[in-house]
Amino acid sequence: MGFSDLLEQVGSTGRFQIVHVTLLSTPILMLASHNLLQNFVAAVPPHYCSAHSNLSQSQLSPEEALRITVPQDHRGKLHRCQRYVVPQWHLLDKNGTSNLRNEGNSVDDLDADLQGCIDGWTYNMADRSSTIISDWHLVCDQHSLKQMGQTIYMGGVLVGAFLFGSLADKYGRRILLLMSYLLMAVSGTCAAFSPSFPLFCFFRFGCGMALSGIALNSLSLILEWIPTRVRTVVGTMSGYCYTLGQLILALMAYYIRDWRWLTLAVSLPFYVFFLYAWWFHESARWLALKNKPDRAIKGLKSVAKFNGRCDEGEKIDIKMLQESMKNELSMSKGSYTALDLFRTPYMRISTVCLAAAWLSTSFAYYSLSMDLQKFGVDIYLIQVIFGAVDIPAKIIIAVTMSYIGRRPSQSAALIIAGVTILINLLVPYDQQTLRTSLAVVGKGCLAASFVCCYLYTGELYPTVIRQNGMGLVSSMARVGAMVAPMVRLTGDYIPWLPGLIYGGAPIVSGVAVIFLPETLGTPLPDTIQDVEERGSGKRSKMSPKETIILEDTGANLLKPVA
């Protein structure tokens, strides 16, 4: 008897599993809202230097004051970060709009001296009533702070993955999930009422940590209470919760135009999640592995009662539990570290190529998803399109992985995404429809690449070190998400450089994936020796298993990394 047989005995797809999975999946809807929140709370409104203070008493209309105060750039648009040192009154005469003139300041506007916005900025808040940009003037010399804020948030996601991942293995999934819900609720609330940008970043860092804790522990609890045969279906549903969450964010942002209220709105539900999460059952599998059989049996009997199988639940005792966990307990005694991912040739090749795929996928994904304003299209519409494209993308990649193979699917998704980003560099800015269409294709390919990354990684690493491998390469994805906003700043010096880097990275990693072995229809490796034998072409003694369903990756198949 295995643990799966024990789960069948108490009911593996009963009322408990339906309620359990539903309650755990619901918060995933709101994870996308926090992940992509900066698209709206940090939207950059049209802005220009405020007029000279001595013009406030004049009879000029706002348009006239603007004309004599702010010069135009090389594109004929108002300069965002400079104004004339003195008002250029003669510009009114040239347009025949006024006879006002200050002879002492009548200089040719082409030779007029310019200065920074020493009296502040004026913002056009037609689209958003307020953003962190307008509240804290994160423009001109301070514009890099916007990207820094997103990098700090992603840094929290990275730290949270290491912290909550290790603590969950030591203290359990349930308690860490409760802490993560509370941290997200409190940090989000504090971020909404932050009086300064540094404090906002501090609390957003906390939100990032909480996001990792929620994602990791929710998926672990989902996986460990459902049978193998339904993991792919449940994983698909969980993944689409994140996709649906992107559409919910667009809807909420459309109706809530103030950044503080929007931040609060996406944070308050986590108080509710925290309250009902006390009902969650700790993983019986984890309790058994941590030598806590009494609590494990109590949990199993509670599930049996919930599913209407009290008699079957009463039959479970410590001896039956230990027998069902015999294989898992023997495997847990092995000592493996992250260094074992690099000790042998084919493990080393797999780790390097997979790390490149994860990093570039996340790097390019967030380069597209986190700067919606650059497409010149309504940001609410583009958010809906970007969210909706994940639906067909994930279906297509699932089909190609099943019939064509993992390696060609992963490689093609990365290369096509990179090519579309590079092509966009050549498309004129005024051709917004074409630019947006290319970006949507690229974003869909990157969403598909995430799907493939989860499955392919789980099939390449052996059972004895699979969690270590998944942890390492997925952390590279978070590094990519951190770096992506900062690379955009290179555009201040070389406008085309960010696009070249964003497009080049997935193409390079797509080529690297070609050096990985194909895993379609092959058994899962159990040991490092199995991996080396597969790589060298020797006949492996791996036991046949279903490769489409993985113990620790099934529920992640369709969910992008934070």
Protein backbone atom coordinates (compact mmCIF):
# COMPACT_ATOMS: atom_id res chain seq x y z
CA MET A 1 0.00 0.00 0.00
CA GLY A 2 1.22 3.48 -0.88
CA PHE A 3 0.07 6.81 0.49
CA SER A 4 -2.13 7.26 -2.58
CA ASP A 5 -4.01 4.10 -1.54
CA LEU A 6 -4.45 5.56 1.92
CA LEU A 7 -5.83 8.74 0.35
CA GLU A 8 -8.26 6.68 -1.72
CA GLN A 9 -9.43 4.99 1.45
CA VAL A 10 -10.52 8.28 3.06
CA GLY A 11 -11.80 9.70 -0.23
CA SER A 12 -9.41 11.28 -2.73
CA THR A 13 -11.92 13.27 -4.79
CA GLY A 14 -14.72 13.89 -2.33
CA ARG A 15 -16.32 16.95 -0.82
CA PHE A 16 -13.21 17.74 1.19
CA GLN A 17 -11.01 17.97 -1.91
CA ILE A 18 -13.54 20.14 -3.77
CA VAL A 19 -13.82 22.64 -0.91
CA HIS A 20 -10.10 22.46 -0.12
CA VAL A 21 -8.94 23.14 -3.68
CA THR A 22 -11.53 25.88 -4.20
CA LEU A 23 -10.52 27.77 -1.05
CA LEU A 24 -6.82 27.42 -1.85
CA SER A 25 -7.23 28.49 -5.48
CA THR A 26 -9.31 31.59 -4.78
CA PRO A 27 -6.40 33.67 -3.40
CA ILE A 28 -4.41 32.88 -6.55
CA LEU A 29 -6.89 35.14 -8.37
CA MET A 30 -5.48 38.08 -6.41
CA LEU A 31 -1.80 37.18 -6.84
CA ALA A 32 -1.82 38.55 -10.40
CA SER A 33 -3.26 41.80 -9.04
CA HIS A 34 -0.23 42.32 -6.83
CA ASN A 35 2.25 41.04 -9.40
CA LEU A 36 1.09 43.48 -12.09
CA LEU A 37 -0.18 46.24 -9.81
CA GLN A 38 2.57 48.66 -10.82
CA ASN A 39 1.11 48.97 -14.32
CA PHE A 40 -1.64 51.10 -12.77
CA VAL A 41 -0.38 52.50 -9.46
CA ALA A 42 2.85 53.64 -11.18
CA ALA A 43 1.35 54.75 -14.49
CA VAL A 44 3.19 57.83 -15.73
CA PRO A 45 0.70 60.63 -16.55
CA PRO A 46 1.50 63.31 -19.17
CA HIS A 47 3.43 66.02 -17.35
CA TYR A 48 5.41 69.20 -17.90
CA CYS A 49 7.06 71.91 -15.82
CA SER A 50 4.76 74.15 -13.85
CA ALA A 51 4.58 77.77 -15.01
CA HIS A 52 6.67 80.48 -13.37
CA SER A 53 5.22 81.65 -10.09
CA ASN A 54 4.95 85.26 -11.31
CA LEU A 55 2.52 84.18 -14.04
CA SER A 56 -0.13 83.16 -11.55
CA GLN A 57 -1.44 86.75 -11.37
CA SER A 58 -1.53 87.26 -15.13
CA GLN A 59 -4.61 87.10 -17.33
CA LEU A 60 -3.18 84.26 -19.45
CA SER A 61 -5.17 81.15 -20.16
CA PRO A 62 -3.53 77.84 -19.19
CA GLU A 63 -2.73 77.18 -22.87
CA GLU A 64 -1.02 80.57 -23.26
CA ALA A 65 0.97 80.13 -20.06
CA LEU A 66 2.07 76.73 -21.29
CA ARG A 67 3.18 78.11 -24.66
CA ILE A 68 5.49 80.72 -23.19
CA THR A 69 6.79 78.44 -20.41
CA VAL A 70 7.49 74.98 -21.86
CA PRO A 71 9.54 74.35 -25.03
CA GLN A 72 8.87 71.55 -27.50
CA ASP A 73 11.15 68.58 -28.02
CA HIS A 74 12.41 67.27 -31.35
CA ARG A 75 9.11 65.46 -31.94
CA GLY A 76 7.07 68.63 -31.53
CA LYS A 77 5.72 67.56 -28.13
CA LEU A 78 5.95 69.54 -24.91
CA HIS A 79 9.21 68.93 -23.11
CA ARG A 80 8.56 66.99 -19.90
CA CYS A 81 11.57 68.03 -17.87
CA GLN A 82 12.60 71.53 -18.95
CA ARG A 83 11.13 75.02 -19.18
CA TYR A 84 12.34 78.45 -20.26
CA VAL A 85 14.33 80.37 -17.70
CA VAL A 86 12.12 83.39 -18.44
CA PRO A 87 8.67 83.39 -20.12
CA GLN A 88 8.90 83.71 -23.92
CA TRP A 89 6.24 86.36 -24.48
CA HIS A 90 7.03 86.75 -28.18
CA LEU A 91 5.64 83.26 -28.81
CA LEU A 92 2.18 84.66 -28.12
CA ASP A 93 2.67 87.42 -30.71
CA LYS A 94 3.79 84.95 -33.35
CA ASN A 95 0.55 83.02 -32.94
CA GLY A 96 -1.59 86.15 -32.80
CA THR A 97 -3.16 85.14 -29.53
CA SER A 98 -2.13 88.08 -27.38
CA ASN A 99 -0.51 91.50 -27.47
CA LEU A 100 1.14 90.89 -24.13
CA ARG A 101 4.88 91.35 -24.41
CA ASN A 102 7.84 91.78 -22.19
CA GLU A 103 10.46 93.51 -24.31
CA GLY A 104 13.28 92.71 -21.90
CA ASN A 105 12.61 88.96 -22.26
CA SER A 106 11.94 88.88 -26.00
CA VAL A 107 14.66 86.48 -27.19
CA ASP A 108 14.58 84.00 -30.01
CA ASP A 109 13.01 80.81 -28.64
CA LEU A 110 15.60 78.63 -30.36
CA ASP A 111 18.38 80.27 -28.34
CA ALA A 112 16.43 80.72 -25.10
CA ASP A 113 18.00 79.40 -21.93
CA LEU A 114 16.32 76.40 -20.31
CA GLN A 115 16.14 75.14 -16.76
CA GLY A 116 14.71 72.22 -14.85
CA CYS A 117 11.28 72.15 -13.25
CA ILE A 118 12.23 74.12 -10.16
CA ASP A 119 8.57 74.98 -9.42
CA GLY A 120 7.44 71.38 -9.76
CA TRP A 121 5.32 69.68 -12.39
CA THR A 122 1.80 69.87 -13.71
CA TYR A 123 0.16 66.51 -14.42
CA ASN A 124 -2.66 65.62 -16.79
CA MET A 125 -4.70 63.21 -14.67
CA ALA A 126 -7.37 62.45 -17.25
CA ASP A 127 -6.74 58.68 -17.03
CA ARG A 128 -5.86 58.13 -13.35
CA SER A 129 -6.88 60.38 -10.47
CA SER A 130 -3.52 59.76 -8.79
CA THR A 131 -0.47 57.52 -9.05
CA ILE A 132 2.73 57.18 -7.05
CA ILE A 133 4.40 59.07 -9.91
CA SER A 134 2.25 62.18 -9.49
CA ASP A 135 2.18 62.00 -5.68
CA TRP A 136 5.93 61.71 -5.21
CA HIS A 137 7.10 63.29 -8.49
CA LEU A 138 8.98 60.24 -9.76
CA VAL A 139 9.72 61.87 -13.11
CA CYS A 140 12.69 63.39 -14.94
CA ASP A 141 15.78 62.91 -12.75
CA GLN A 142 13.76 60.62 -10.46
CA HIS A 143 12.16 58.47 -13.16
CA SER A 144 14.45 55.50 -12.47
CA LEU A 145 12.81 55.10 -9.05
CA LYS A 146 9.73 53.66 -10.74
CA GLN A 147 11.75 50.72 -12.06
CA MET A 148 13.59 50.48 -8.76
CA GLY A 149 10.26 50.05 -6.97
CA GLN A 150 9.35 47.04 -9.12
CA THR A 151 12.82 45.54 -8.68
CA ILE A 152 12.47 45.83 -4.90
CA TYR A 153 9.09 44.07 -5.08
CA MET A 154 10.60 41.25 -7.14
CA GLY A 155 13.45 41.09 -4.65
CA GLY A 156 10.83 40.35 -2.01
CA VAL A 157 9.48 37.55 -4.19
CA LEU A 158 12.98 36.05 -4.42
CA VAL A 159 13.66 36.33 -0.67
CA GLY A 160 10.22 34.93 0.10
CA ALA A 161 10.84 31.90 -2.10
CA PHE A 162 13.99 31.00 -0.15
CA LEU A 163 12.55 31.87 3.26
CA PHE A 164 9.06 30.41 3.05
CA GLY A 165 10.22 27.43 1.00
CA SER A 166 12.74 26.30 3.61
CA LEU A 167 10.51 27.16 6.58
CA ALA A 168 7.58 25.25 5.08
CA ASP A 169 9.67 22.07 4.93
CA LYS A 170 10.55 22.55 8.61
CA TYR A 171 7.36 23.90 10.18
CA GLY A 172 4.64 22.83 7.75
CA ARG A 173 2.66 24.29 4.87
CA ARG A 174 -0.43 25.42 6.77
CA ILE A 175 1.19 27.73 9.34
CA LEU A 176 3.42 29.34 6.70
CA LEU A 177 0.39 29.88 4.46
CA LEU A 178 -1.45 31.59 7.31
CA MET A 179 1.54 33.85 7.92
CA SER A 180 1.77 34.65 4.21
CA TYR A 181 -1.90 35.65 3.98
CA LEU A 182 -1.52 37.94 6.99
CA LEU A 183 1.74 39.41 5.68
CA MET A 184 0.14 40.17 2.32
CA ALA A 185 -2.90 41.81 3.94
CA VAL A 186 -0.90 43.94 6.37
CA SER A 187 1.87 44.88 3.91
CA GLY A 188 -0.63 45.76 1.20
CA THR A 189 -2.67 47.89 3.58
CA CYS A 190 0.43 49.71 4.83
CA ALA A 191 1.61 50.25 1.24
CA ALA A 192 -1.73 51.86 0.41
CA PHE A 193 -1.29 54.41 3.21
CA SER A 194 2.46 54.94 2.84
CA PRO A 195 3.40 58.61 3.29
CA SER A 196 6.65 58.28 1.32
CA PHE A 197 8.14 56.31 -1.55
CA PRO A 198 10.79 54.49 0.57
CA LEU A 199 8.08 53.22 2.92
CA PHE A 200 5.96 52.18 -0.06
CA CYS A 201 8.87 50.12 -1.41
CA PHE A 202 9.46 48.57 2.02
CA PHE A 203 5.88 47.34 2.28
CA ARG A 204 5.84 46.22 -1.36
CA PHE A 205 8.89 44.10 -0.54
CA GLY A 206 6.74 42.47 2.14
CA CYS A 207 4.00 41.87 -0.44
CA GLY A 208 6.54 40.17 -2.69
CA MET A 209 7.66 37.87 0.13
CA ALA A 210 4.05 37.02 0.93
CA LEU A 211 3.29 36.24 -2.71
CA SER A 212 6.00 33.55 -2.77
CA GLY A 213 4.75 32.07 0.48
CA ILE A 214 1.18 31.91 -0.80
CA ALA A 215 2.10 30.44 -4.18
CA LEU A 216 4.47 27.77 -2.84
CA ASN A 217 2.38 26.59 0.10
CA SER A 218 -1.00 26.77 -1.65
CA LEU A 219 0.21 24.53 -4.44
CA SER A 220 1.88 22.13 -2.01
CA LEU A 221 -1.33 21.73 0.00
CA ILE A 222 -3.36 21.26 -3.18
CA LEU A 223 -1.02 18.58 -4.50
CA GLU A 224 -0.68 16.64 -1.28
CA TRP A 225 -4.41 16.13 -0.73
CA ILE A 226 -5.40 15.02 -4.25
CA PRO A 227 -4.63 11.83 -6.20
CA THR A 228 -2.19 11.64 -9.10
CA ARG A 229 -4.85 11.07 -11.73
CA VAL A 230 -6.47 14.50 -11.24
CA ARG A 231 -3.34 16.59 -10.65
CA THR A 232 -3.07 17.74 -14.25
CA VAL A 233 -6.71 18.88 -14.31
CA VAL A 234 -6.44 20.62 -10.95
CA GLY A 235 -3.12 22.15 -11.98
CA THR A 236 -4.74 23.53 -15.10
CA MET A 237 -7.56 25.06 -13.08
CA SER A 238 -5.13 26.65 -10.62
CA GLY A 239 -3.10 28.08 -13.48
CA TYR A 240 -6.15 29.64 -15.07
CA CYS A 241 -6.97 31.30 -11.74
CA TYR A 242 -3.83 33.39 -12.25
CA THR A 243 -4.87 34.15 -15.83
CA LEU A 244 -8.35 35.20 -14.70
CA GLY A 245 -6.72 37.34 -12.03
CA GLN A 246 -5.08 39.45 -14.74
CA LEU A 247 -8.52 40.24 -16.15
CA ILE A 248 -9.87 41.04 -12.68
CA LEU A 249 -7.02 43.51 -12.16
CA ALA A 250 -7.92 45.37 -15.36
CA LEU A 251 -11.55 45.60 -14.22
CA MET A 252 -10.66 46.83 -10.74
CA ALA A 253 -8.16 49.37 -12.05
CA TYR A 254 -10.73 50.70 -14.52
CA TYR A 255 -13.22 51.51 -11.76
CA ILE A 256 -10.73 52.45 -9.03
CA ARG A 257 -8.58 55.25 -10.43
CA ASP A 258 -6.79 56.26 -7.22
CA TRP A 259 -3.64 54.24 -6.56
CA ARG A 260 -4.13 54.10 -2.80
CA TRP A 261 -7.66 52.72 -3.03
CA LEU A 262 -6.63 50.26 -5.74
CA THR A 263 -3.74 48.95 -3.62
CA LEU A 264 -6.10 48.62 -0.67
CA ALA A 265 -8.74 46.87 -2.78
CA VAL A 266 -6.35 44.12 -3.91
CA SER A 267 -5.04 43.65 -0.35
CA LEU A 268 -8.18 43.55 1.80
CA PRO A 269 -9.37 40.12 0.51
CA PHE A 270 -6.32 38.53 2.12
CA TYR A 271 -7.77 39.28 5.57
CA VAL A 272 -10.69 37.06 4.59
CA PHE A 273 -8.33 34.40 3.23
CA PHE A 274 -6.40 34.50 6.51
CA LEU A 275 -9.56 33.92 8.54
CA TYR A 276 -10.89 30.94 6.60
CA ALA A 277 -7.38 29.42 6.18
CA TRP A 278 -7.54 28.25 9.81
CA TRP A 279 -9.83 25.48 8.52
CA PHE A 280 -7.12 24.07 6.22
CA HIS A 281 -5.68 20.67 7.08
CA GLU A 282 -1.93 20.25 7.29
CA SER A 283 -0.48 17.82 4.75
CA ALA A 284 -0.75 14.30 6.18
CA ARG A 285 2.14 13.26 3.93
CA TRP A 286 4.39 15.98 5.42
CA LEU A 287 3.34 15.09 8.98
CA ALA A 288 4.22 11.44 8.40
CA LEU A 289 7.62 12.33 6.92
CA LYS A 290 8.33 14.59 9.92
CA ASN A 291 7.58 11.75 12.34
CA LYS A 292 4.25 13.14 13.52
CA PRO A 293 2.03 10.10 12.82
CA ASP A 294 -0.64 10.95 15.43
CA ARG A 295 -1.41 14.31 13.79
CA ALA A 296 -1.31 12.71 10.34
CA ILE A 297 -3.84 10.05 11.36
CA LYS A 298 -6.06 12.68 12.98
CA GLY A 299 -6.04 14.68 9.73
CA LEU A 300 -6.85 11.62 7.62
CA LYS A 301 -9.74 10.67 9.86
CA SER A 302 -11.09 14.23 9.67
CA VAL A 303 -10.99 14.05 5.87
CA ALA A 304 -12.71 10.66 5.93
CA LYS A 305 -15.49 12.10 8.10
CA PHE A 306 -15.91 15.11 5.79
CA ASN A 307 -16.16 12.77 2.80
CA GLY A 308 -18.68 10.49 4.54
CA ARG A 309 -16.22 7.61 5.04
CA CYS A 310 -15.99 7.46 8.82
CA ASP A 311 -15.74 3.65 8.94
CA GLU A 312 -12.81 3.60 6.51
CA GLY A 313 -11.10 6.38 8.42
CA GLU A 314 -11.32 4.50 11.74
CA LYS A 315 -9.32 1.62 10.23
CA ILE A 316 -6.22 3.79 9.81
CA ASP A 317 -3.53 3.31 12.45
CA ILE A 318 0.17 4.09 12.83
CA LYS A 319 1.25 0.76 11.35
CA MET A 320 -0.84 1.30 8.23
CA LEU A 321 0.50 4.85 7.86
CA GLN A 322 4.13 3.77 8.19
CA GLU A 323 3.61 1.02 5.64
CA SER A 324 2.09 3.46 3.15
CA MET A 325 4.98 5.90 3.58
CA LYS A 326 7.77 3.32 3.44
CA ASN A 327 9.16 4.44 0.07
CA GLU A 328 8.96 8.15 0.86
CA LEU A 329 10.62 7.65 4.25
CA SER A 330 13.51 5.71 2.74
CA MET A 331 14.05 8.41 0.11
CA SER A 332 13.97 11.20 2.67
CA LYS A 333 16.98 9.68 4.43
CA GLY A 334 19.27 10.45 1.49
CA SER A 335 21.45 13.53 1.78
CA TYR A 336 21.57 15.73 -1.33
CA THR A 337 22.43 19.39 -1.76
CA ALA A 338 22.33 21.95 -4.55
CA LEU A 339 25.97 21.07 -5.32
CA ASP A 340 24.81 17.69 -6.61
CA LEU A 341 23.12 19.55 -9.47
CA PHE A 342 26.60 20.37 -10.83
CA ARG A 343 28.77 17.37 -9.83
CA THR A 344 28.15 15.18 -12.87
CA PRO A 345 28.30 16.16 -16.59
CA TYR A 346 24.69 15.68 -17.67
CA MET A 347 23.24 17.06 -14.44
CA ARG A 348 25.45 20.11 -14.98
CA ILE A 349 24.29 20.58 -18.59
CA SER A 350 20.66 20.23 -17.59
CA THR A 351 20.98 22.71 -14.73
CA VAL A 352 22.76 25.39 -16.79
CA CYS A 353 20.38 25.12 -19.76
CA LEU A 354 17.27 25.05 -17.57
CA ALA A 355 18.49 28.02 -15.52
CA ALA A 356 18.95 29.98 -18.77
CA ALA A 357 15.45 29.05 -19.94
CA TRP A 358 13.81 30.05 -16.65
CA LEU A 359 15.75 33.31 -16.34
CA SER A 360 15.12 34.49 -19.90
CA THR A 361 11.44 33.47 -19.83
CA SER A 362 10.74 35.52 -16.72
CA PHE A 363 13.06 38.33 -17.86
CA ALA A 364 11.28 38.80 -21.19
CA TYR A 365 7.80 38.09 -19.73
CA TYR A 366 8.01 40.96 -17.28
CA SER A 367 9.65 43.24 -19.83
CA LEU A 368 6.39 43.03 -21.80
CA SER A 369 3.91 42.78 -18.94
CA MET A 370 5.22 45.61 -16.79
CA ASP A 371 5.36 48.50 -19.26
CA LEU A 372 1.96 48.64 -20.93
CA GLN A 373 2.11 52.37 -21.62
CA LYS A 374 4.85 52.00 -24.22
CA PHE A 375 2.39 50.49 -26.71
CA GLY A 376 0.34 53.68 -26.92
CA VAL A 377 -2.91 51.74 -26.41
CA ASP A 378 -5.42 52.09 -23.57
CA ILE A 379 -3.73 50.36 -20.63
CA TYR A 380 -6.96 48.73 -19.45
CA LEU A 381 -7.57 47.18 -22.85
CA ILE A 382 -4.00 45.98 -23.25
CA GLN A 383 -4.11 44.41 -19.77
CA VAL A 384 -7.21 42.44 -20.77
CA ILE A 385 -5.61 41.34 -24.04
CA PHE A 386 -2.37 40.34 -22.34
CA GLY A 387 -4.31 38.32 -19.79
CA ALA A 388 -6.63 36.68 -22.31
CA VAL A 389 -3.80 35.55 -24.63
CA ASP A 390 -2.59 33.17 -21.91
CA ILE A 391 -5.69 31.01 -22.39
CA PRO A 392 -5.03 29.81 -25.97
CA ALA A 393 -1.25 29.93 -25.43
CA LYS A 394 -1.40 27.43 -22.60
CA ILE A 395 -3.74 25.11 -24.50
CA ILE A 396 -1.51 25.15 -27.59
CA ILE A 397 1.67 24.43 -25.65
CA ALA A 398 -0.02 21.56 -23.78
CA VAL A 399 -0.94 19.97 -27.13
CA THR A 400 2.50 20.47 -28.69
CA MET A 401 4.26 19.08 -25.60
CA SER A 402 2.09 15.96 -25.75
CA TYR A 403 2.47 15.28 -29.49
CA ILE A 404 5.69 16.98 -30.65
CA GLY A 405 7.79 16.89 -27.50
CA ARG A 406 9.03 18.99 -24.62
CA ARG A 407 12.32 20.11 -26.13
CA PRO A 408 11.01 21.50 -29.44
CA SER A 409 8.05 23.12 -27.66
CA GLN A 410 10.28 24.86 -25.10
CA SER A 411 12.82 25.96 -27.69
CA ALA A 412 10.23 27.22 -30.19
CA ALA A 413 8.29 29.19 -27.54
CA LEU A 414 11.44 31.02 -26.46
CA ILE A 415 12.79 31.71 -29.93
CA ILE A 416 9.45 32.95 -31.33
CA ALA A 417 9.02 35.24 -28.31
CA GLY A 418 12.50 36.67 -28.80
CA VAL A 419 11.99 37.22 -32.52
CA THR A 420 8.71 39.11 -32.00
CA ILE A 421 10.40 41.42 -29.47
CA LEU A 422 13.26 42.12 -31.89
CA ILE A 423 10.88 42.77 -34.80
CA ASN A 424 9.07 45.32 -32.65
CA LEU A 425 12.28 47.35 -32.57
CA LEU A 426 11.90 47.94 -36.31
CA VAL A 427 8.21 48.89 -36.24
CA PRO A 428 7.55 52.68 -36.15
CA TYR A 429 6.00 53.91 -32.91
CA ASP A 430 2.90 55.26 -34.66
CA GLN A 431 1.95 51.78 -35.93
CA GLN A 432 0.38 50.87 -32.62
CA THR A 433 -1.78 48.00 -33.84
CA LEU A 434 1.17 46.11 -35.31
CA ARG A 435 3.37 46.80 -32.28
CA THR A 436 0.67 45.61 -29.91
CA SER A 437 -0.05 42.48 -31.98
CA LEU A 438 3.61 41.47 -31.96
CA ALA A 439 3.81 42.07 -28.21
CA VAL A 440 0.71 39.94 -27.61
CA VAL A 441 2.20 37.05 -29.61
CA GLY A 442 5.46 37.35 -27.69
CA LYS A 443 3.71 37.47 -24.33
CA GLY A 444 1.63 34.41 -25.22
CA CYS A 445 4.78 32.48 -26.19
CA LEU A 446 6.43 33.40 -22.90
CA ALA A 447 3.37 32.31 -20.92
CA ALA A 448 3.56 29.02 -22.84
CA SER A 449 7.27 28.79 -22.05
CA PHE A 450 6.48 28.96 -18.33
CA VAL A 451 4.16 25.97 -18.73
CA CYS A 452 6.87 23.97 -20.46
CA CYS A 453 9.53 25.03 -17.95
CA TYR A 454 7.65 23.55 -15.02
CA LEU A 455 6.93 20.21 -16.67
CA TYR A 456 10.26 19.81 -18.49
CA THR A 457 12.30 20.63 -15.39
CA GLY A 458 10.43 18.11 -13.28
CA GLU A 459 11.00 15.39 -15.86
CA LEU A 460 14.72 16.11 -16.29
CA TYR A 461 15.67 16.07 -12.61
CA PRO A 462 15.72 12.78 -10.65
CA THR A 463 13.34 12.18 -7.77
CA VAL A 464 16.06 12.31 -5.10
CA ILE A 465 16.98 15.92 -5.96
CA ARG A 466 13.98 17.20 -7.89
CA GLN A 467 12.94 19.74 -5.27
CA ASN A 468 16.47 21.15 -5.07
CA GLY A 469 16.60 21.51 -8.83
CA MET A 470 13.17 23.11 -9.07
CA GLY A 471 14.09 25.53 -6.32
CA LEU A 472 17.34 26.59 -7.99
CA VAL A 473 16.06 27.16 -11.52
CA SER A 474 12.82 28.82 -10.40
CA SER A 475 14.90 31.24 -8.31
CA MET A 476 16.66 32.18 -11.55
CA ALA A 477 13.25 33.18 -12.91
CA ARG A 478 12.84 35.56 -10.01
CA VAL A 479 16.28 37.00 -10.66
CA GLY A 480 15.16 37.63 -14.25
CA ALA A 481 12.05 39.40 -12.99
CA MET A 482 14.21 41.60 -10.74
CA VAL A 483 16.64 42.56 -13.49
CA ALA A 484 14.01 43.27 -16.18
CA PRO A 485 12.90 46.72 -14.87
CA MET A 486 16.48 47.93 -14.46
CA VAL A 487 17.49 46.96 -18.00
CA ARG A 488 14.82 49.36 -19.25
CA LEU A 489 16.88 52.24 -17.86
CA THR A 490 19.60 51.60 -20.46
CA GLY A 491 17.15 53.07 -22.98
CA ASP A 492 17.98 56.52 -21.57
CA TYR A 493 21.37 56.21 -23.28
CA ILE A 494 20.72 53.83 -26.21
CA PRO A 495 16.98 53.71 -27.05
CA TRP A 496 17.09 50.36 -28.85
CA LEU A 497 19.30 48.53 -26.32
CA PRO A 498 16.56 47.29 -23.91
CA GLY A 499 14.59 45.72 -26.77
CA LEU A 500 17.74 44.03 -28.07
CA ILE A 501 18.49 42.53 -24.66
CA TYR A 502 14.88 41.52 -24.01
CA GLY A 503 14.63 39.84 -27.40
CA GLY A 504 18.12 38.36 -27.50
CA ALA A 505 17.95 36.58 -24.13
CA PRO A 506 15.09 34.18 -24.99
CA ILE A 507 16.61 33.40 -28.40
CA VAL A 508 19.94 32.43 -26.82
CA SER A 509 18.26 30.28 -24.18
CA GLY A 510 15.99 28.73 -26.82
CA VAL A 511 19.10 27.55 -28.63
CA ALA A 512 20.57 26.26 -25.33
CA VAL A 513 17.47 24.13 -24.74
CA ILE A 514 18.33 22.10 -27.86
CA PHE A 515 21.17 20.51 -25.88
CA LEU A 516 18.71 18.99 -23.39
CA PRO A 517 17.36 15.44 -23.87
CA GLU A 518 13.77 14.81 -24.90
CA THR A 519 11.56 13.42 -22.12
CA LEU A 520 8.27 12.77 -23.94
CA GLY A 521 7.20 9.20 -23.25
CA THR A 522 10.23 8.41 -21.09
CA PRO A 523 10.10 7.27 -17.45
CA LEU A 524 10.99 9.69 -14.69
CA PRO A 525 14.56 9.30 -13.37
CA ASP A 526 14.84 8.32 -9.72
CA THR A 527 18.58 8.77 -9.18
CA ILE A 528 21.42 10.92 -10.51
CA GLN A 529 22.84 7.79 -12.10
CA ASP A 530 19.62 7.44 -14.12
CA VAL A 531 20.16 10.95 -15.51
CA GLU A 532 23.77 10.22 -16.48
CA GLU A 533 22.80 6.95 -18.18
CA ARG A 534 20.06 8.69 -20.12
CA GLY A 535 22.46 11.42 -21.21
CA SER A 536 25.14 8.97 -22.32
CA GLY A 537 22.62 6.87 -24.25
CA LYS A 538 22.91 3.82 -22.02
CA ARG A 539 19.90 1.73 -21.22
CA SER A 540 18.42 3.01 -17.98
CA LYS A 541 16.88 0.99 -15.20
CA MET A 542 14.40 3.72 -14.43
CA SER A 543 11.00 2.53 -13.40
CA PRO A 544 8.19 3.43 -15.83
CA LYS A 545 5.97 6.27 -14.60
CA GLU A 546 3.59 8.74 -16.07
CA THR A 547 5.74 11.68 -17.11
CA ILE A 548 2.90 14.11 -17.72
CA ILE A 549 2.01 14.13 -14.04
CA LEU A 550 4.61 15.13 -11.48
CA GLU A 551 4.37 15.04 -7.72
CA ASP A 552 5.61 18.58 -7.23
CA THR A 553 4.98 20.30 -10.55
CA GLY A 554 1.51 19.26 -11.67
CA ALA A 555 -0.30 22.15 -10.07
CA ASN A 556 2.28 24.58 -11.40
CA LEU A 557 1.87 23.66 -15.05
CA LEU A 558 -0.10 26.68 -16.06
CA LYS A 559 0.95 29.32 -13.56
CA PRO A 560 3.63 31.91 -14.36
CA VAL A 561 6.38 32.48 -11.84
CA ALA A 562 6.12 35.51 -9.64
